[in-house]
Every structure is written in C-alpha cells, then in structure tokens.
C-alpha cells in the first residue's frame, strides 16, 4: 500500500475551507470547473475533466465534520483510484488561517498513476491557498473544447 500526505496553511478560517470542500461552487473555485458536490454524507460527488465531462470521477462522501474534516471514497472510474480514500483534515493554524492536512490513502502501489496524482494534488492545494489569499476564484482545471482550439 502507498499513500499521499500533504500539508499547507491557507489564509482562511477552517469553516471557510470546509465550505469550499463541500459545495459545487467551492470545488469549482480552485480545482475543476465541472463539479457536482452534494452536502450529505453517503451521497456521491461528481468531478469532471475535459470537454463536457469527458472524464468523470465519482466519490462517495464518507464524512463531513464542519470546520474539521471532509472524507471521500473513490468509486472506481479511475481504476487505480478505486476504493482509495481522500481526507481533508482542517485545523486552525498558529499563524492564523487553516492548516490543511491532505491524505489520499489506500493505493495498491507506488507505481502507475500515484506519482502524477501526488504532484497534481500538491498543485490543487497550492491553487486553494492562492485563491484564498487573493480572494479570486480560479479553478486549476478548466474544461475546454479542444476541437475549437480551446
């Protein structure tokens, strides 16, 4: 088994970070502009990538503890991600803001797509911090129609 563990501090209160992780608008503000994120434990969040949701990633919402933790279980559209868990732990930072401890656990192997996923998650966390610092909403992954030069 292999895991991804990342940590960063973002310039916003834990409740604000929690809101971004648990709403469609929130996810669209820093990760992908194609997201349907329900607010109930047990429901399925949908994340799209590429023109018109060409690639889709579904995750069951496992836990939502306001201001403290969000947890998702990957349902298998990306085969190497099947049954892995993504956890966002949030805690007030000593410097102000929120310490975000990110975990993507349960990978079968450190080979394959894990290195790329680790790098991408680090960029997503950096985008979250950047957007919270600037007050701007800018998803890291924007769908475009490549047939039109997008």
Foldseek 3Di string as FASTA:
>chain_A
DDKAKDKDFAAAALQVLLVLVQQLQSQCQQAEVDWHHHRDQQDKIWDAAAPPRPQIWIWGFHDRDRSAKTKTATCDSPPQRHRWMWMWGWDADPVGGIMTIIMTDDGPDCDDCVVVVNVSVVNSVVRSRVCRVVVGGDYPGYYDDVVVVD
